[in-house]
Amino acid sequence: MKRFNRFSPIVITLAALLAPGLIRPAQATLLVADDFNSYVAGAPLAGNNGGTNGAAFWTGAYGGNANVTVQSQGTPLSYSSGAVLVDGGTNAVQLTNLGSSVAEGIITRSFTGQSGDVYFSFLFRPLQTVDTGGGGDFAQFMLNDDTDPDNQGGIGMTRNQPVIGNPYFAGVRSNTDVRSNSAVGAAADTTVFLVGKFSDSGGAVGHDLMELWVNPTSNIEGSNILSASAFLESGNLGLIDFFTARAAGIINDDFYLFDELRIGTSFASVVPIAVPEPATLALGLMGLAGLAVRRRRVA
């Protein structure tokens, strides 16, 4: 018993080192995901029905605009900061030539309906900074109970605002939009990692609160660098079972890239973190073993 007590701190330390490589936090709550790498590059996204099924299932193929296509990327989308690591791989979804007015339903896909909190995340990269003349580009990625844009909560990049430019935002919509902008504006050819949470704020209208995290550094929900929120005061959404998108101002040579979609029921399930390689774990184990031998000799 004394020998165990002597080395129990080492055992605890070893367990802490090994745990990240053996246990993935909250992976069971990942509902569905898609990295788009299995699709034919150069073809429309609509009609594809791949992706990952987790605790729920994709229940249909993608629908949407023919100008939303899958494209191979010479410079893949990726994000790495703190503990978070998101690697987009070879393909990404490209939004282009959608027109200056609002194009609804440019992406639609259904999944198993959810009554509780729903989280989603993705990588996003605009090709260039957008117009500064009072309008500008706009893109919103949404969670809905159908494909109707009047019943949704979403996150994305909104039109030009003073000082900030085109900020990333959280919003909800029943008959009118209610939005809250973050302090982060879009930068040319710069990838961001966006995370949204659609929940019930406690009223009688169901899902009425969308929250946004821009470039989180941890998969712990409270430890993020920026957030914004918006409330929906009317309407009543049913089960959340659609992912959709809308956009405006994407014309000429302008395009957006979108990748690594995840939908889940916890923050950790949609925010992947870097996991130590086996070699790293082995080195840690050797170091702890050496420490144990040294302590035993001293004792």
Protein backbone atom coordinates (compact mmCIF):
# COMPACT_ATOMS: atom_id res chain seq x y z
CA MET A 1 0.00 0.00 0.00
CA LYS A 2 2.84 2.39 0.81
CA ARG A 3 4.48 1.66 -2.52
CA PHE A 4 1.23 2.49 -4.34
CA ASN A 5 0.89 5.74 -2.41
CA ARG A 6 4.46 6.64 -3.31
CA PHE A 7 3.89 6.23 -7.01
CA SER A 8 0.22 7.18 -7.26
CA PRO A 9 1.05 10.75 -8.43
CA ILE A 10 2.98 9.22 -11.32
CA VAL A 11 0.07 6.93 -12.17
CA ILE A 12 -2.29 9.90 -12.15
CA THR A 13 0.07 11.93 -14.35
CA LEU A 14 0.41 9.02 -16.79
CA ALA A 15 -3.37 8.67 -16.99
CA ALA A 16 -3.68 12.36 -17.75
CA LEU A 17 -1.12 12.03 -20.54
CA LEU A 18 -2.73 8.98 -22.10
CA ALA A 19 -6.34 10.06 -21.80
CA PRO A 20 -6.40 12.53 -24.72
CA GLY A 21 -5.19 9.81 -27.06
CA LEU A 22 -7.61 7.18 -25.82
CA ILE A 23 -10.78 9.14 -25.14
CA ARG A 24 -12.31 11.56 -27.62
CA PRO A 25 -14.57 13.96 -25.70
CA ALA A 26 -18.28 13.84 -26.50
CA GLN A 27 -17.80 12.06 -29.84
CA ALA A 28 -21.04 10.14 -29.29
CA THR A 29 -22.98 13.38 -29.73
CA LEU A 30 -21.73 14.03 -33.26
CA LEU A 31 -24.89 13.71 -35.34
CA VAL A 32 -23.67 14.02 -38.92
CA ALA A 33 -20.67 15.46 -40.76
CA ASP A 34 -19.23 15.93 -44.24
CA ASP A 35 -15.73 16.76 -45.46
CA PHE A 36 -16.77 16.65 -49.17
CA ASN A 37 -13.62 14.72 -50.10
CA SER A 38 -15.50 11.74 -51.56
CA TYR A 39 -17.30 13.84 -54.19
CA VAL A 40 -16.24 14.49 -57.79
CA ALA A 41 -14.36 17.79 -58.06
CA GLY A 42 -15.85 20.23 -60.56
CA ALA A 43 -19.41 18.91 -60.20
CA PRO A 44 -22.39 20.47 -58.38
CA LEU A 45 -22.81 19.63 -54.70
CA ALA A 46 -26.54 18.98 -55.26
CA GLY A 47 -27.30 15.29 -55.67
CA ASN A 48 -24.42 14.04 -53.52
CA ASN A 49 -25.40 12.00 -50.48
CA GLY A 50 -22.13 11.01 -48.79
CA GLY A 51 -20.74 12.18 -45.48
CA THR A 52 -20.61 10.71 -42.00
CA ASN A 53 -23.49 9.43 -39.90
CA GLY A 54 -22.96 9.55 -36.16
CA ALA A 55 -25.65 9.49 -33.49
CA ALA A 56 -28.10 10.53 -36.24
CA PHE A 57 -28.32 10.18 -40.02
CA TRP A 58 -28.39 12.27 -43.14
CA THR A 59 -31.91 11.60 -44.43
CA GLY A 60 -31.52 12.92 -47.97
CA ALA A 61 -29.07 14.08 -50.60
CA TYR A 62 -27.93 17.69 -51.01
CA GLY A 63 -30.17 20.05 -52.94
CA GLY A 64 -29.50 23.58 -54.04
CA ASN A 65 -28.03 25.87 -56.67
CA ALA A 66 -26.04 24.39 -59.56
CA ASN A 67 -23.37 27.08 -59.04
CA VAL A 68 -22.54 25.61 -55.63
CA THR A 69 -19.88 23.10 -56.62
CA VAL A 70 -17.25 20.81 -55.15
CA GLN A 71 -13.74 21.95 -56.06
CA SER A 72 -10.28 20.53 -55.42
CA GLN A 73 -8.14 22.99 -53.45
CA GLY A 74 -4.46 23.64 -54.14
CA THR A 75 -4.41 25.27 -50.69
CA PRO A 76 -6.86 23.27 -48.55
CA LEU A 77 -8.90 25.04 -45.91
CA SER A 78 -7.54 24.43 -42.43
CA TYR A 79 -7.55 25.96 -38.96
CA SER A 80 -5.24 25.39 -36.02
CA SER A 81 -5.18 27.37 -32.79
CA GLY A 82 -4.66 26.24 -29.22
CA ALA A 83 -6.02 22.71 -28.88
CA VAL A 84 -8.24 22.95 -31.98
CA LEU A 85 -7.19 21.42 -35.30
CA VAL A 86 -9.44 21.26 -38.39
CA ASP A 87 -8.00 19.90 -41.66
CA GLY A 88 -10.19 20.34 -44.72
CA GLY A 89 -8.43 17.88 -47.01
CA THR A 90 -8.49 18.09 -50.79
CA ASN A 91 -12.05 19.21 -51.61
CA ALA A 92 -14.18 22.14 -50.48
CA VAL A 93 -17.56 23.54 -51.50
CA GLN A 94 -17.34 26.66 -53.68
CA LEU A 95 -20.06 29.31 -53.89
CA THR A 96 -19.82 31.46 -57.02
CA ASN A 97 -21.96 33.32 -59.62
CA LEU A 98 -25.02 33.38 -57.36
CA GLY A 99 -26.05 36.92 -58.31
CA SER A 100 -26.24 40.27 -56.57
CA SER A 101 -29.68 39.68 -55.00
CA VAL A 102 -30.36 37.16 -52.23
CA ALA A 103 -30.25 33.57 -53.47
CA GLU A 104 -32.22 31.32 -51.12
CA GLY A 105 -31.72 27.59 -50.66
CA ILE A 106 -28.32 27.43 -52.32
CA ILE A 107 -27.55 24.40 -50.11
CA THR A 108 -30.15 22.14 -48.46
CA ARG A 109 -29.85 18.78 -46.72
CA SER A 110 -31.94 17.00 -44.11
CA PHE A 111 -30.87 14.96 -41.08
CA THR A 112 -32.58 13.20 -38.18
CA GLY A 113 -34.71 15.74 -36.29
CA GLN A 114 -33.45 17.17 -33.00
CA SER A 115 -35.52 18.75 -30.22
CA GLY A 116 -32.66 19.87 -27.97
CA ASP A 117 -29.58 22.06 -28.44
CA VAL A 118 -27.94 21.70 -31.86
CA TYR A 119 -24.36 22.79 -32.59
CA PHE A 120 -22.69 23.07 -35.98
CA SER A 121 -19.29 24.10 -37.25
CA PHE A 122 -17.43 24.62 -40.52
CA LEU A 123 -14.45 26.25 -42.18
CA PHE A 124 -15.14 29.36 -44.27
CA ARG A 125 -12.94 31.41 -46.60
CA PRO A 126 -13.99 34.40 -48.80
CA LEU A 127 -11.77 34.91 -51.83
CA GLN A 128 -11.40 38.63 -51.32
CA THR A 129 -12.54 41.48 -49.12
CA VAL A 130 -15.97 42.56 -50.24
CA ASP A 131 -17.51 45.81 -51.50
CA THR A 132 -17.38 48.85 -49.28
CA GLY A 133 -20.30 50.68 -50.90
CA GLY A 134 -23.11 50.00 -48.45
CA GLY A 135 -24.16 46.59 -49.74
CA GLY A 136 -21.55 43.93 -50.18
CA ASP A 137 -21.48 40.21 -50.00
CA PHE A 138 -23.49 38.07 -47.63
CA ALA A 139 -23.51 34.37 -46.73
CA GLN A 140 -25.49 32.58 -44.05
CA PHE A 141 -25.41 28.91 -43.06
CA MET A 142 -28.48 27.81 -41.15
CA LEU A 143 -30.26 25.20 -39.06
CA ASN A 144 -33.99 24.92 -39.86
CA ASP A 145 -37.07 22.78 -39.45
CA ASP A 146 -37.56 22.92 -43.24
CA THR A 147 -36.08 24.75 -46.24
CA ASP A 148 -38.07 27.94 -45.57
CA PRO A 149 -35.63 30.83 -44.82
CA ASP A 150 -38.24 32.42 -42.53
CA ASN A 151 -37.74 29.68 -39.92
CA GLN A 152 -34.08 29.38 -39.05
CA GLY A 153 -31.10 30.24 -36.94
CA GLY A 154 -27.81 30.85 -38.68
CA ILE A 155 -24.26 32.14 -38.64
CA GLY A 156 -22.10 33.58 -41.38
CA MET A 157 -20.75 36.80 -42.86
CA THR A 158 -23.07 39.78 -43.22
CA ARG A 159 -23.03 42.84 -45.47
CA ASN A 160 -20.66 45.75 -45.07
CA GLN A 161 -20.78 47.57 -41.73
CA PRO A 162 -18.94 50.75 -40.64
CA VAL A 163 -15.41 50.17 -39.32
CA ILE A 164 -15.70 46.37 -39.10
CA GLY A 165 -16.32 45.78 -42.80
CA ASN A 166 -18.17 42.50 -43.31
CA PRO A 167 -18.49 40.98 -39.82
CA TYR A 168 -19.27 37.42 -38.87
CA PHE A 169 -22.66 37.24 -37.18
CA ALA A 170 -25.30 35.15 -35.42
CA GLY A 171 -28.93 35.53 -36.39
CA VAL A 172 -32.42 34.09 -36.17
CA ARG A 173 -35.45 34.69 -38.33
CA SER A 174 -39.17 34.19 -38.00
CA ASN A 175 -40.74 36.85 -40.22
CA THR A 176 -37.86 39.30 -39.89
CA ASP A 177 -34.13 38.95 -39.22
CA VAL A 178 -32.66 39.53 -35.78
CA ARG A 179 -28.86 39.62 -35.88
CA SER A 180 -25.90 40.29 -33.63
CA ASN A 181 -22.52 41.03 -35.20
CA SER A 182 -19.19 39.95 -33.79
CA ALA A 183 -16.22 42.30 -33.80
CA VAL A 184 -14.44 40.17 -36.42
CA GLY A 185 -14.66 41.21 -40.05
CA ALA A 186 -13.89 38.98 -43.02
CA ALA A 187 -10.35 39.22 -44.37
CA ALA A 188 -9.32 38.45 -47.94
CA ASP A 189 -8.42 34.82 -48.61
CA THR A 190 -8.39 34.05 -44.88
CA THR A 191 -9.94 30.92 -43.40
CA VAL A 192 -12.00 31.11 -40.21
CA PHE A 193 -13.53 28.36 -38.11
CA LEU A 194 -17.12 29.18 -37.14
CA VAL A 195 -19.21 27.39 -34.51
CA GLY A 196 -22.92 27.98 -33.89
CA LYS A 197 -25.34 26.82 -31.21
CA PHE A 198 -29.11 26.85 -31.74
CA SER A 199 -31.07 26.50 -28.50
CA ASP A 200 -34.16 27.44 -26.51
CA SER A 201 -33.60 30.50 -24.32
CA GLY A 202 -36.39 29.38 -22.01
CA GLY A 203 -39.42 30.97 -23.63
CA ALA A 204 -42.39 29.30 -25.28
CA VAL A 205 -41.20 29.51 -28.88
CA GLY A 206 -38.76 26.60 -29.06
CA HIS A 207 -35.38 27.21 -30.68
CA ASP A 208 -34.94 30.97 -30.46
CA LEU A 209 -31.28 31.62 -29.62
CA MET A 210 -28.30 31.35 -31.98
CA GLU A 211 -24.80 31.84 -30.58
CA LEU A 212 -21.55 32.22 -32.50
CA TRP A 213 -17.92 31.42 -31.75
CA VAL A 214 -15.24 32.68 -34.14
CA ASN A 215 -11.95 30.75 -34.14
CA PRO A 216 -12.28 28.93 -30.79
CA THR A 217 -9.06 27.68 -29.22
CA SER A 218 -10.56 24.85 -27.17
CA ASN A 219 -13.38 22.32 -27.43
CA ILE A 220 -14.62 23.44 -24.02
CA GLU A 221 -17.66 25.61 -24.67
CA GLY A 222 -16.78 28.45 -22.32
CA SER A 223 -13.22 29.07 -23.46
CA ASN A 224 -13.60 30.98 -26.70
CA ILE A 225 -12.21 34.30 -27.84
CA LEU A 226 -15.30 35.89 -29.44
CA SER A 227 -19.03 35.38 -29.36
CA ALA A 228 -22.27 37.02 -30.43
CA SER A 229 -25.89 36.11 -29.88
CA ALA A 230 -29.37 36.90 -31.16
CA PHE A 231 -32.85 36.08 -29.90
CA LEU A 232 -36.03 35.19 -31.77
CA GLU A 233 -39.12 36.52 -30.04
CA SER A 234 -41.82 35.03 -32.25
CA GLY A 235 -42.50 31.92 -34.26
CA ASN A 236 -42.20 28.31 -33.17
CA LEU A 237 -39.68 26.00 -34.79
CA GLY A 238 -40.33 22.27 -34.72
CA LEU A 239 -37.61 19.66 -34.76
CA ILE A 240 -34.34 20.94 -36.19
CA ASP A 241 -33.67 18.67 -39.14
CA PHE A 242 -32.28 20.74 -42.03
CA PHE A 243 -28.98 22.39 -42.86
CA THR A 244 -29.41 25.16 -45.44
CA ALA A 245 -27.57 28.19 -46.83
CA ARG A 246 -28.34 31.49 -48.55
CA ALA A 247 -26.14 34.21 -50.05
CA ALA A 248 -26.05 37.50 -51.94
CA GLY A 249 -23.53 39.61 -53.82
CA ILE A 250 -21.42 36.71 -55.05
CA ILE A 251 -20.78 37.83 -58.63
CA ASN A 252 -17.99 38.09 -61.20
CA ASP A 253 -14.73 36.63 -59.87
CA ASP A 254 -15.84 36.56 -56.23
CA PHE A 255 -16.40 33.23 -54.53
CA TYR A 256 -16.56 31.70 -51.08
CA LEU A 257 -15.24 28.37 -49.86
CA PHE A 258 -16.95 26.20 -47.27
CA ASP A 259 -15.65 22.94 -45.74
CA GLU A 260 -15.68 20.45 -42.85
CA LEU A 261 -19.33 20.60 -41.83
CA ARG A 262 -20.16 19.04 -38.45
CA ILE A 263 -23.53 18.94 -36.67
CA GLY A 264 -23.85 17.66 -33.10
CA THR A 265 -25.45 18.06 -29.70
CA SER A 266 -22.42 19.35 -27.80
CA PHE A 267 -19.72 21.91 -28.40
CA ALA A 268 -16.97 19.30 -28.14
CA SER A 269 -18.62 17.09 -30.76
CA VAL A 270 -18.24 19.74 -33.48
CA VAL A 271 -14.85 21.19 -32.43
CA PRO A 272 -12.07 18.68 -33.18
CA ILE A 273 -8.85 18.87 -31.20
CA ALA A 274 -5.34 17.70 -31.93
CA VAL A 275 -4.63 14.26 -30.43
CA PRO A 276 -1.07 13.29 -29.38
CA GLU A 277 0.60 10.83 -31.74
CA PRO A 278 1.45 7.36 -30.36
CA ALA A 279 5.15 8.28 -30.46
CA THR A 280 4.47 11.30 -28.29
CA LEU A 281 2.59 9.15 -25.79
CA ALA A 282 5.41 6.61 -25.78
CA LEU A 283 7.99 9.30 -25.03
CA GLY A 284 5.84 10.56 -22.21
CA LEU A 285 5.54 7.05 -20.83
CA MET A 286 9.32 6.54 -20.98
CA GLY A 287 9.89 9.82 -19.19
CA LEU A 288 7.48 8.91 -16.42
CA ALA A 289 9.01 5.45 -16.10
CA GLY A 290 12.43 7.03 -15.69
CA LEU A 291 11.07 9.37 -13.06
CA ALA A 292 9.54 6.44 -11.17
CA VAL A 293 12.87 4.55 -11.15
CA ARG A 294 14.74 7.62 -9.94
CA ARG A 295 12.26 8.21 -7.11
CA ARG A 296 12.45 4.60 -6.08
CA ARG A 297 16.26 4.77 -5.86
CA VAL A 298 16.15 7.93 -3.83
CA ALA A 299 13.61 6.38 -1.50
